[in-house]
Each structure stands twice: as C-alpha cells, then as structure tokens.
Amino acid sequence: MSKDDYTKYGDIVIEDTGYGFKVIPENMKDDNGCGGGCSGCGH
C-alpha cells in the first residue's frame, strides 16, 4: 500500500467470511452491505 493510499483509506482489515475474504478499509463506510470483497456478497 502506498503512503497516499494509507492516507486515504487508513488501516485495512481483512476478514475471512467463510465464502472468501472481505477487505474493509478503516476510512470507508460499507454502504451496500457487500463490502466489495473478493467473493462479492457470497450469495
């Protein structure tokens, strides 16, 4: 992650959802319930 990306997004949490991984930037709100993870919503 570049310094500019860190300034924009903050710390990153990578969560194992059981269907794949969800990447959650500290400075971005999850508005749609999916989080934009690698596996999408898992549905």
PDB file of N, CA and C in Angstrom:
ATOM      1  N   MET A   1       0.849  -1.164   0.000  1.00  0.00           N
ATOM      2  CA  MET A   1       0.000   0.000   0.000  1.00  0.00           C
ATOM      3  C   MET A   1       0.903   1.237   0.000  1.00  0.00           C
ATOM      4  N   SER A   2       0.576   2.165  -0.846  1.00  0.00           N
ATOM      5  CA  SER A   2       1.371   3.391  -0.905  1.00  0.00           C
ATOM      6  C   SER A   2       1.001   4.319   0.256  1.00  0.00           C
ATOM      7  N   LYS A   3       1.846   5.285   0.500  1.00  0.00           N
ATOM      8  CA  LYS A   3       1.592   6.274   1.549  1.00  0.00           C
ATOM      9  C   LYS A   3       0.298   7.040   1.264  1.00  0.00           C
ATOM     10  N   ASP A   4       0.060   7.369  -0.016  1.00  0.00           N
ATOM     11  CA  ASP A   4      -1.170   8.080  -0.393  1.00  0.00           C
ATOM     12  C   ASP A   4      -2.406   7.226  -0.136  1.00  0.00           C
ATOM     13  N   ASP A   5      -2.327   5.926  -0.464  1.00  0.00           N
ATOM     14  CA  ASP A   5      -3.452   5.023  -0.209  1.00  0.00           C
ATOM     15  C   ASP A   5      -3.737   4.926   1.286  1.00  0.00           C
ATOM     16  N   TYR A   6      -2.674   4.841   2.093  1.00  0.00           N
ATOM     17  CA  TYR A   6      -2.863   4.755   3.537  1.00  0.00           C
ATOM     18  C   TYR A   6      -3.530   6.019   4.073  1.00  0.00           C
ATOM     19  N   THR A   7      -3.113   7.172   3.548  1.00  0.00           N
ATOM     20  CA  THR A   7      -3.718   8.433   3.973  1.00  0.00           C
ATOM     21  C   THR A   7      -5.205   8.451   3.622  1.00  0.00           C
ATOM     22  N   LYS A   8      -5.553   7.920   2.463  1.00  0.00           N
ATOM     23  CA  LYS A   8      -6.944   7.922   2.006  1.00  0.00           C
ATOM     24  C   LYS A   8      -7.804   6.883   2.732  1.00  0.00           C
ATOM     25  N   TYR A   9      -7.280   5.663   2.912  1.00  0.00           N
ATOM     26  CA  TYR A   9      -8.083   4.555   3.427  1.00  0.00           C
ATOM     27  C   TYR A   9      -7.820   4.201   4.886  1.00  0.00           C
ATOM     28  N   GLY A  10      -6.641   4.527   5.433  1.00  0.00           N
ATOM     29  CA  GLY A  10      -6.313   4.154   6.804  1.00  0.00           C
ATOM     30  C   GLY A  10      -5.931   2.685   6.884  1.00  0.00           C
ATOM     31  N   ASP A  11      -6.021   2.137   8.086  1.00  0.00           N
ATOM     32  CA  ASP A  11      -5.710   0.717   8.277  1.00  0.00           C
ATOM     33  C   ASP A  11      -6.718  -0.145   7.518  1.00  0.00           C
ATOM     34  N   ILE A  12      -6.284  -1.327   7.122  1.00  0.00           N
ATOM     35  CA  ILE A  12      -7.126  -2.261   6.376  1.00  0.00           C
ATOM     36  C   ILE A  12      -7.341  -3.505   7.219  1.00  0.00           C
ATOM     37  N   VAL A  13      -8.577  -3.973   7.301  1.00  0.00           N
ATOM     38  CA  VAL A  13      -8.905  -5.226   7.968  1.00  0.00           C
ATOM     39  C   VAL A  13      -9.281  -6.230   6.882  1.00  0.00           C
ATOM     40  N   ILE A  14      -8.688  -7.416   6.943  1.00  0.00           N
ATOM     41  CA  ILE A  14      -9.043  -8.492   6.022  1.00  0.00           C
ATOM     42  C   ILE A  14      -9.747  -9.562   6.838  1.00  0.00           C
ATOM     43  N   GLU A  15     -11.019  -9.795   6.520  1.00  0.00           N
ATOM     44  CA  GLU A  15     -11.861 -10.697   7.290  1.00  0.00           C
ATOM     45  C   GLU A  15     -12.219 -11.917   6.454  1.00  0.00           C
ATOM     46  N   ASP A  16     -12.077 -13.110   7.033  1.00  0.00           N
ATOM     47  CA  ASP A  16     -12.491 -14.345   6.367  1.00  0.00           C
ATOM     48  C   ASP A  16     -13.973 -14.541   6.632  1.00  0.00           C
ATOM     49  N   THR A  17     -14.796 -14.465   5.589  1.00  0.00           N
ATOM     50  CA  THR A  17     -16.244 -14.540   5.748  1.00  0.00           C
ATOM     51  C   THR A  17     -16.768 -15.969   5.684  1.00  0.00           C
ATOM     52  N   GLY A  18     -15.899 -16.913   5.342  1.00  0.00           N
ATOM     53  CA  GLY A  18     -16.357 -18.279   5.128  1.00  0.00           C
ATOM     54  C   GLY A  18     -16.652 -18.526   3.656  1.00  0.00           C
ATOM     55  N   TYR A  19     -16.875 -17.458   2.904  1.00  0.00           N
ATOM     56  CA  TYR A  19     -17.124 -17.539   1.458  1.00  0.00           C
ATOM     57  C   TYR A  19     -15.972 -16.941   0.674  1.00  0.00           C
ATOM     58  N   GLY A  20     -15.045 -16.347   1.367  1.00  0.00           N
ATOM     59  CA  GLY A  20     -13.918 -15.635   0.754  1.00  0.00           C
ATOM     60  C   GLY A  20     -13.426 -14.602   1.738  1.00  0.00           C
ATOM     61  N   PHE A  21     -12.800 -13.590   1.241  1.00  0.00           N
ATOM     62  CA  PHE A  21     -12.251 -12.564   2.112  1.00  0.00           C
ATOM     63  C   PHE A  21     -12.922 -11.222   1.858  1.00  0.00           C
ATOM     64  N   LYS A  22     -13.158 -10.496   2.934  1.00  0.00           N
ATOM     65  CA  LYS A  22     -13.747  -9.164   2.872  1.00  0.00           C
ATOM     66  C   LYS A  22     -12.659  -8.182   3.279  1.00  0.00           C
ATOM     67  N   VAL A  23     -12.382  -7.204   2.431  1.00  0.00           N
ATOM     68  CA  VAL A  23     -11.367  -6.189   2.704  1.00  0.00           C
ATOM     69  C   VAL A  23     -12.094  -4.936   3.169  1.00  0.00           C
ATOM     70  N   ILE A  24     -11.783  -4.495   4.387  1.00  0.00           N
ATOM     71  CA  ILE A  24     -12.514  -3.384   4.988  1.00  0.00           C
ATOM     72  C   ILE A  24     -11.550  -2.240   5.299  1.00  0.00           C
ATOM     73  N   PRO A  25     -11.541  -1.187   4.480  1.00  0.00           N
ATOM     74  CA  PRO A  25     -10.725  -0.015   4.784  1.00  0.00           C
ATOM     75  C   PRO A  25     -11.319   0.742   5.970  1.00  0.00           C
ATOM     76  N   GLU A  26     -10.463   1.166   6.898  1.00  0.00           N
ATOM     77  CA  GLU A  26     -10.902   1.875   8.097  1.00  0.00           C
ATOM     78  C   GLU A  26     -11.681   3.143   7.776  1.00  0.00           C
ATOM     79  N   ASN A  27     -11.277   3.870   6.743  1.00  0.00           N
ATOM     80  CA  ASN A  27     -11.875   5.174   6.438  1.00  0.00           C
ATOM     81  C   ASN A  27     -12.991   5.119   5.405  1.00  0.00           C
ATOM     82  N   MET A  28     -13.502   3.934   5.093  1.00  0.00           N
ATOM     83  CA  MET A  28     -14.609   3.835   4.134  1.00  0.00           C
ATOM     84  C   MET A  28     -15.781   3.142   4.805  1.00  0.00           C
ATOM     85  N   LYS A  29     -16.947   3.719   4.682  1.00  0.00           N
ATOM     86  CA  LYS A  29     -18.144   3.138   5.252  1.00  0.00           C
ATOM     87  C   LYS A  29     -18.713   2.110   4.275  1.00  0.00           C
ATOM     88  N   ASP A  30     -19.175   0.987   4.799  1.00  0.00           N
ATOM     89  CA  ASP A  30     -19.786  -0.060   3.984  1.00  0.00           C
ATOM     90  C   ASP A  30     -21.256   0.290   3.767  1.00  0.00           C
ATOM     91  N   ASP A  31     -21.563   0.954   2.639  1.00  0.00           N
ATOM     92  CA  ASP A  31     -22.915   1.444   2.394  1.00  0.00           C
ATOM     93  C   ASP A  31     -23.854   0.397   1.818  1.00  0.00           C
ATOM     94  N   ASN A  32     -23.313  -0.603   1.105  1.00  0.00           N
ATOM     95  CA  ASN A  32     -24.199  -1.521   0.401  1.00  0.00           C
ATOM     96  C   ASN A  32     -24.282  -2.898   1.037  1.00  0.00           C
ATOM     97  N   GLY A  33     -23.608  -3.144   2.136  1.00  0.00           N
ATOM     98  CA  GLY A  33     -23.698  -4.425   2.812  1.00  0.00           C
ATOM     99  C   GLY A  33     -22.796  -5.494   2.244  1.00  0.00           C
ATOM    100  N   CYS A  34     -22.174  -5.252   1.105  1.00  0.00           N
ATOM    101  CA  CYS A  34     -21.311  -6.263   0.497  1.00  0.00           C
ATOM    102  C   CYS A  34     -19.845  -6.069   0.853  1.00  0.00           C
ATOM    103  N   GLY A  35     -19.394  -4.878   0.967  1.00  0.00           N
ATOM    104  CA  GLY A  35     -18.008  -4.605   1.306  1.00  0.00           C
ATOM    105  C   GLY A  35     -17.039  -4.703   0.154  1.00  0.00           C
ATOM    106  N   GLY A  36     -17.505  -5.145  -1.008  1.00  0.00           N
ATOM    107  CA  GLY A  36     -16.633  -5.199  -2.168  1.00  0.00           C
ATOM    108  C   GLY A  36     -15.512  -6.198  -2.038  1.00  0.00           C
ATOM    109  N   GLY A  37     -15.725  -7.245  -1.253  1.00  0.00           N
ATOM    110  CA  GLY A  37     -14.696  -8.263  -1.077  1.00  0.00           C
ATOM    111  C   GLY A  37     -14.449  -9.062  -2.334  1.00  0.00           C
ATOM    112  N   CYS A  38     -13.451  -9.885  -2.299  1.00  0.00           N
ATOM    113  CA  CYS A  38     -13.050 -10.672  -3.469  1.00  0.00           C
ATOM    114  C   CYS A  38     -14.161 -11.598  -3.943  1.00  0.00           C
ATOM    115  N   SER A  39     -14.981 -12.089  -3.021  1.00  0.00           N
ATOM    116  CA  SER A  39     -16.028 -13.049  -3.399  1.00  0.00           C
ATOM    117  C   SER A  39     -17.394 -12.383  -3.524  1.00  0.00           C
ATOM    118  N   GLY A  40     -17.435 -11.079  -3.478  1.00  0.00           N
ATOM    119  CA  GLY A  40     -18.725 -10.387  -3.545  1.00  0.00           C
ATOM    120  C   GLY A  40     -19.508 -10.613  -2.264  1.00  0.00           C
ATOM    121  N   CYS A  41     -20.778 -10.840  -2.383  1.00  0.00           N
ATOM    122  CA  CYS A  41     -21.636 -10.991  -1.202  1.00  0.00           C
ATOM    123  C   CYS A  41     -21.686 -12.416  -0.681  1.00  0.00           C
ATOM    124  N   GLY A  42     -21.222 -13.362  -1.465  1.00  0.00           N
ATOM    125  CA  GLY A  42     -21.285 -14.755  -1.041  1.00  0.00           C
ATOM    126  C   GLY A  42     -22.636 -15.398  -1.260  1.00  0.00           C
ATOM    127  N   HIS A  43     -23.474 -14.745  -2.046  1.00  0.00           N
ATOM    128  CA  HIS A  43     -24.823 -15.293  -2.306  1.00  0.00           C
ATOM    129  C   HIS A  43     -24.854 -15.954  -3.661  1.00  0.00           C
TER     130      HIS A  43
END
